Protein backbone atom coordinates (compact mmCIF):
# COMPACT_ATOMS: atom_id res chain seq x y z
CA UNK A 1 22.14 -9.88 6.30
CA UNK A 2 21.62 -6.56 3.74
CA UNK A 3 19.49 -3.71 3.61
CA UNK A 4 16.64 -3.95 1.28
CA UNK A 5 17.35 -0.74 -0.52
CA UNK A 6 21.13 0.26 -0.39
CA UNK A 7 24.32 -2.38 -0.71
CA UNK A 8 25.44 -1.48 2.99
CA UNK A 9 25.43 -4.90 5.05
CA UNK A 10 24.25 -4.94 8.20
CA UNK A 11 26.53 -4.02 11.16
CA UNK A 12 28.27 -7.49 12.69
CA UNK A 13 26.91 -6.57 16.16
CA UNK A 14 23.24 -5.43 15.32
CA UNK A 15 21.63 -9.31 15.41
CA UNK A 16 23.50 -10.44 18.23
CA UNK A 17 22.00 -7.19 19.85
CA UNK A 18 17.91 -8.19 18.75
CA UNK A 19 18.84 -11.47 20.27
CA UNK A 20 19.88 -9.94 23.25
CA UNK A 21 16.60 -7.67 23.22
CA UNK A 22 14.44 -10.47 22.37
CA UNK A 23 15.68 -12.37 25.46
CA UNK A 24 15.00 -9.74 27.60
CA UNK A 25 18.74 -8.99 28.28
CA UNK A 26 18.58 -5.17 27.48
CA UNK A 27 15.76 -2.70 27.66
CA UNK A 28 14.26 -1.51 24.82
CA UNK A 29 15.57 2.04 24.79
CA UNK A 30 18.65 0.97 25.17
CA UNK A 31 18.42 -1.77 22.03
CA UNK A 32 17.05 1.05 20.09
CA UNK A 33 19.90 3.51 21.21
CA UNK A 34 22.40 0.68 20.24
CA UNK A 35 21.13 -0.03 17.15
CA UNK A 36 20.89 3.53 16.19
CA UNK A 37 24.65 3.59 16.56
CA UNK A 38 24.72 1.13 14.54
CA UNK A 39 23.02 2.65 11.24
CA UNK A 40 19.88 1.04 11.45
CA UNK A 41 16.62 2.91 11.70
CA UNK A 42 14.18 2.51 14.57
CA UNK A 43 11.61 0.34 11.82
CA UNK A 44 14.68 -2.10 10.82
CA UNK A 45 15.65 -1.99 14.52
CA UNK A 46 11.73 -2.98 15.38
CA UNK A 47 12.03 -5.70 12.82
CA UNK A 48 15.23 -7.31 13.38
CA UNK A 49 14.17 -7.57 17.38
CA UNK A 50 10.60 -8.78 16.64
CA UNK A 51 8.45 -5.86 17.36
CA UNK A 52 6.52 -5.24 14.35
CA UNK A 53 2.93 -4.22 13.85
CA UNK A 54 0.48 -6.34 14.48
CA UNK A 55 -2.75 -6.61 12.17
CA UNK A 56 -5.29 -4.46 13.40
CA UNK A 57 -9.14 -5.57 14.40
CA UNK A 58 -12.02 -4.17 13.50
CA UNK A 59 -14.11 -2.77 15.77
CA UNK A 60 -17.71 -2.28 16.71
CA UNK A 61 -18.95 0.83 15.39
CA UNK A 62 -20.39 2.77 17.96
CA UNK A 63 -24.31 3.86 17.68
CA UNK A 64 -26.10 6.76 18.14
CA UNK A 65 -23.49 10.44 18.83
CA UNK A 66 -23.67 13.59 17.86
CA UNK A 67 -22.69 14.93 14.07
CA UNK A 68 -21.10 18.22 14.67
CA UNK A 69 -20.56 20.82 11.25
CA UNK A 70 -19.34 23.97 10.66
CA UNK A 71 -19.54 26.25 7.91
CA UNK A 72 -17.09 29.36 6.89
CA UNK A 73 -20.09 32.08 6.39
CA UNK A 74 -19.68 35.44 4.33
CA UNK A 75 -22.21 37.99 4.68
CA UNK A 76 -25.46 37.23 3.51
CA UNK A 77 -27.05 39.48 0.49
CA UNK A 78 -29.54 38.81 -1.99
CA UNK A 79 -30.21 35.31 -3.06
CA UNK A 80 -30.32 36.56 -6.96
CA UNK A 81 -26.10 37.95 -6.40
CA UNK A 82 -24.77 35.39 -4.96
CA UNK A 83 -21.65 34.39 -6.59
CA UNK A 84 -20.61 30.51 -4.88
CA UNK A 85 -22.21 27.57 -3.81
CA UNK A 86 -21.38 28.32 -0.36
CA UNK A 87 -23.55 31.47 -0.22
CA UNK A 88 -26.71 28.92 -1.51
CA UNK A 89 -25.59 26.00 0.80
CA UNK A 90 -26.53 28.48 3.60
CA UNK A 91 -29.61 29.92 2.17
CA UNK A 92 -31.09 27.08 1.66
CA UNK A 93 -30.63 25.84 5.69
CA UNK A 94 -31.08 28.52 7.31
CA UNK A 95 -34.88 28.14 5.75
C-alpha cells in the first residue's frame, strides 16, 4: 500500500497494527502512538483502522429563541455629517 500523494510505501507493520486495533487487541491511544511511530498521520491511521468519519445527519431545527446582535457605536453627531453607513444605521434604529 502506498501513500496517495508520495511515492513512499506504508510501513510493513502498519497494516497488521490496524488489524490488531480493529480486533480490539490494542487501545486507540496505543494504536495512534504506534502509527505515529510508523510515520502515518492521525487521519491516515483512522482510515486504516476503520475510524473514518460518519456521514452527518440533519437535525430538526429548534423554533423560537433569542437573536442577539451587537454593533460598535461611535459618538453620535449631527446626522447631516455622518461619514459612514454604521452611523446612519444607528440613527435609524434609535428612532
